[in-house]
C-alpha atoms as a PDB file:
ATOM      1  CA  MET A   1       0.000   0.000   0.000  1.00  0.00           C
ATOM      2  CA  ASN A   2       1.481   3.308  -1.023  1.00  0.00           C
ATOM      3  CA  SER A   3       1.485   6.380   1.186  1.00  0.00           C
ATOM      4  CA  ALA A   4      -1.162   8.226  -0.864  1.00  0.00           C
ATOM      5  CA  ILE A   5      -3.637   5.389  -0.299  1.00  0.00           C
ATOM      6  CA  ALA A   6      -2.706   5.162   3.384  1.00  0.00           C
ATOM      7  CA  ASN A   7      -3.215   8.917   3.812  1.00  0.00           C
ATOM      8  CA  LYS A   8      -6.593   8.720   2.072  1.00  0.00           C
ATOM      9  CA  ILE A   9      -7.694   5.864   4.325  1.00  0.00           C
ATOM     10  CA  VAL A  10      -6.574   7.703   7.474  1.00  0.00           C
ATOM     11  CA  THR A  11      -8.379  10.882   6.402  1.00  0.00           C
ATOM     12  CA  GLU A  12     -11.579   9.022   5.480  1.00  0.00           C
ATOM     13  CA  VAL A  13     -11.683   7.105   8.766  1.00  0.00           C
ATOM     14  CA  THR A  14     -11.041  10.240  10.823  1.00  0.00           C
ATOM     15  CA  GLU A  15     -13.746  12.174   8.959  1.00  0.00           C
ATOM     16  CA  GLU A  16     -16.225   9.296   9.391  1.00  0.00           C
ATOM     17  CA  ILE A  17     -15.616   9.156  13.126  1.00  0.00           C
ATOM     18  CA  TYR A  18     -15.995  12.907  13.609  1.00  0.00           C
ATOM     19  CA  THR A  19     -19.085  13.027  11.360  1.00  0.00           C
ATOM     20  CA  GLU A  20     -20.789  10.208  13.237  1.00  0.00           C
ATOM     21  CA  TYR A  21     -19.746  11.515  16.656  1.00  0.00           C
ATOM     22  CA  PRO A  22     -19.810  15.349  16.404  1.00  0.00           C
ATOM     23  CA  GLU A  23     -19.626  15.590  20.184  1.00  0.00           C
ATOM     24  CA  LEU A  24     -15.981  14.508  19.896  1.00  0.00           C
ATOM     25  CA  LEU A  25     -15.130  17.774  18.180  1.00  0.00           C
ATOM     26  CA  GLN A  26     -16.862  19.701  20.952  1.00  0.00           C
ATOM     27  CA  LYS A  27     -15.134  17.653  23.633  1.00  0.00           C
ATOM     28  CA  PHE A  28     -11.611  17.413  22.169  1.00  0.00           C
ATOM     29  CA  GLY A  29     -11.490  20.172  19.533  1.00  0.00           C
ATOM     30  CA  GLU A  30      -9.293  20.179  16.446  1.00  0.00           C
ATOM     31  CA  ALA A  31      -6.378  18.875  18.527  1.00  0.00           C
ATOM     32  CA  GLY A  32      -8.413  15.746  19.277  1.00  0.00           C
ATOM     33  CA  LYS A  33      -9.246  15.292  15.613  1.00  0.00           C
ATOM     34  CA  GLN A  34      -5.549  15.600  14.751  1.00  0.00           C
ATOM     35  CA  LYS A  35      -4.740  13.023  17.457  1.00  0.00           C
ATOM     36  CA  CYS A  36      -7.332  10.669  15.951  1.00  0.00           C
ATOM     37  CA  GLN A  37      -5.625  11.027  12.580  1.00  0.00           C
ATOM     38  CA  GLU A  38      -2.223  10.325  14.156  1.00  0.00           C
ATOM     39  CA  ASP A  39      -3.644   7.281  15.956  1.00  0.00           C
ATOM     40  CA  ASN A  40      -4.893   5.902  12.649  1.00  0.00           C
ATOM     41  CA  GLU A  41      -1.472   6.470  11.115  1.00  0.00           C
ATOM     42  CA  HIS A  42      -0.015   4.418  13.988  1.00  0.00           C
ATOM     43  CA  HIS A  43      -2.608   1.678  13.389  1.00  0.00           C
ATOM     44  CA  LEU A  44      -1.553   1.455   9.744  1.00  0.00           C
ATOM     45  CA  ASN A  45       2.150   1.523  10.603  1.00  0.00           C
ATOM     46  CA  GLN A  46       1.700  -1.336  13.066  1.00  0.00           C
ATOM     47  CA  LEU A  47      -0.446  -3.203  10.568  1.00  0.00           C
ATOM     48  CA  ARG A  48       2.171  -2.817   7.821  1.00  0.00           C
ATOM     49  CA  ALA A  49       4.936  -3.994  10.151  1.00  0.00           C
ATOM     50  CA  ALA A  50       2.945  -7.074  11.176  1.00  0.00           C
ATOM     51  CA  ILE A  51       2.177  -7.882   7.542  1.00  0.00           C
ATOM     52  CA  HIS A  52       5.809  -7.357   6.548  1.00  0.00           C
ATOM     53  CA  HIS A  53       6.793  -9.953   9.159  1.00  0.00           C
ATOM     54  CA  ASP A  54       3.745 -12.097   8.301  1.00  0.00           C
ATOM     55  CA  ASN A  55       2.903 -12.080  12.007  1.00  0.00           C
ATOM     56  CA  VAL A  56      -0.740 -11.515  12.923  1.00  0.00           C
ATOM     57  CA  LYS A  57       0.124 -11.939  16.619  1.00  0.00           C
ATOM     58  CA  MET A  58       2.263  -8.821  16.371  1.00  0.00           C
ATOM     59  CA  PHE A  59      -0.794  -6.767  15.381  1.00  0.00           C
ATOM     60  CA  ILE A  60      -3.049  -8.474  17.930  1.00  0.00           C
ATOM     61  CA  ASP A  61      -0.498  -7.676  20.651  1.00  0.00           C
ATOM     62  CA  TYR A  62      -0.494  -4.039  19.519  1.00  0.00           C
ATOM     63  CA  ALA A  63      -4.305  -3.936  19.633  1.00  0.00           C
ATOM     64  CA  GLU A  64      -4.398  -5.416  23.141  1.00  0.00           C
ATOM     65  CA  TRP A  65      -1.664  -3.064  24.373  1.00  0.00           C
ATOM     66  CA  LEU A  66      -3.421  -0.040  22.887  1.00  0.00           C
ATOM     67  CA  ASN A  67      -6.777  -1.135  24.259  1.00  0.00           C
ATOM     68  CA  GLY A  68      -5.247  -1.319  27.736  1.00  0.00           C
ATOM     69  CA  ILE A  69      -4.016   2.256  27.427  1.00  0.00           C
ATOM     70  CA  LEU A  70      -7.286   3.561  25.998  1.00  0.00           C
ATOM     71  CA  THR A  71      -9.513   1.867  28.567  1.00  0.00           C
ATOM     72  CA  SER A  72      -7.309   3.151  31.386  1.00  0.00           C
ATOM     73  CA  ARG A  73      -8.059   6.652  30.053  1.00  0.00           C
ATOM     74  CA  GLY A  74     -11.808   6.168  30.046  1.00  0.00           C
ATOM     75  CA  MET A  75     -12.373   4.987  26.494  1.00  0.00           C
ATOM     76  CA  LYS A  76     -14.190   1.770  25.677  1.00  0.00           C
ATOM     77  CA  THR A  77     -12.954  -1.248  23.763  1.00  0.00           C
ATOM     78  CA  ASP A  78     -15.869  -0.616  21.406  1.00  0.00           C
ATOM     79  CA  HIS A  79     -14.177   2.606  20.262  1.00  0.00           C
ATOM     80  CA  LEU A  80     -11.100   0.722  19.072  1.00  0.00           C
ATOM     81  CA  ILE A  81     -13.207  -2.009  17.475  1.00  0.00           C
ATOM     82  CA  ASP A  82     -15.256   0.656  15.679  1.00  0.00           C
ATOM     83  CA  ASN A  83     -12.050   2.272  14.426  1.00  0.00           C
ATOM     84  CA  PHE A  84     -10.699  -1.046  13.125  1.00  0.00           C
ATOM     85  CA  GLU A  85     -14.050  -1.797  11.434  1.00  0.00           C
ATOM     86  CA  ARG A  86     -13.875   1.572   9.688  1.00  0.00           C
ATOM     87  CA  LEU A  87     -10.361   0.733   8.483  1.00  0.00           C
ATOM     88  CA  ILE A  88     -11.664  -2.566   7.096  1.00  0.00           C
ATOM     89  CA  LYS A  89     -14.442  -0.712   5.268  1.00  0.00           C
ATOM     90  CA  GLN A  90     -11.874   1.588   3.660  1.00  0.00           C
ATOM     91  CA  PHE A  91      -9.603  -1.312   2.686  1.00  0.00           C
ATOM     92  CA  LYS A  92     -12.564  -3.052   1.039  1.00  0.00           C
ATOM     93  CA  LYS A  93     -13.005   0.016  -1.190  1.00  0.00           C
ATOM     94  CA  GLN A  94      -9.500  -0.483  -2.581  1.00  0.00           C
ATOM     95  CA  LYS A  95      -9.241  -2.401  -5.841  1.00  0.00           C
ATOM     96  CA  ASN A  96      -6.011  -4.021  -4.744  1.00  0.00           C
ATOM     97  CA  GLU A  97      -5.908  -7.685  -3.807  1.00  0.00           C
ATOM     98  CA  GLY A  98      -2.932  -6.966  -1.577  1.00  0.00           C
ATOM     99  CA  VAL A  99      -5.259  -5.506   1.045  1.00  0.00           C
ATOM    100  CA  GLN A 100      -6.800  -8.878   1.900  1.00  0.00           C
ATOM    101  CA  LYS A 101      -4.129  -9.542   4.492  1.00  0.00           C
ATOM    102  CA  HIS A 102      -4.717  -6.081   6.000  1.00  0.00           C
ATOM    103  CA  ILE A 103      -8.395  -6.929   6.384  1.00  0.00           C
ATOM    104  CA  ALA A 104      -7.650 -10.377   7.823  1.00  0.00           C
ATOM    105  CA  PHE A 105      -5.223  -8.995  10.434  1.00  0.00           C
ATOM    106  CA  LEU A 106      -7.710  -6.297  11.479  1.00  0.00           C
ATOM    107  CA  GLN A 107     -10.467  -8.911  11.773  1.00  0.00           C
ATOM    108  CA  LYS A 108      -8.279 -11.120  13.969  1.00  0.00           C
ATOM    109  CA  ALA A 109      -7.530  -8.169  16.257  1.00  0.00           C
ATOM    110  CA  ILE A 110     -11.250  -7.358  16.478  1.00  0.00           C
ATOM    111  CA  GLU A 111     -12.029 -10.974  17.368  1.00  0.00           C
ATOM    112  CA  ARG A 112      -9.473 -10.872  20.177  1.00  0.00           C
ATOM    113  CA  LEU A 113     -10.782  -7.546  21.513  1.00  0.00           C
ATOM    114  CA  GLU A 114     -14.374  -8.811  21.430  1.00  0.00           C
ATOM    115  CA  ASN A 115     -13.403 -11.888  23.431  1.00  0.00           C
ATOM    116  CA  LYS A 116     -11.548 -10.031  26.194  1.00  0.00           C
END
């Protein structure tokens, strides 16, 4: 996945989240929206690294670690799952068969988070 596609996915997911949950903009402002975008960049970086090493456990471990941090700060696991589902939706829009592994790794992480 090239950086232009990754940037488009990150932007789309961030916009979707802030459109569906406008109260986030009121609560966290533009700085929060920027942080959401950065978080999605981190998700994709971790996903690419796990795929590069062909190691789904690496991405699942990242998801569990991140979930621990987020829930300790008052967020819910559902927020991370929702974010990963939005990433899957964006990957499915791509006409590149190479994204199938991205989708599979995200789905495995969601399964683990749902079963915690």
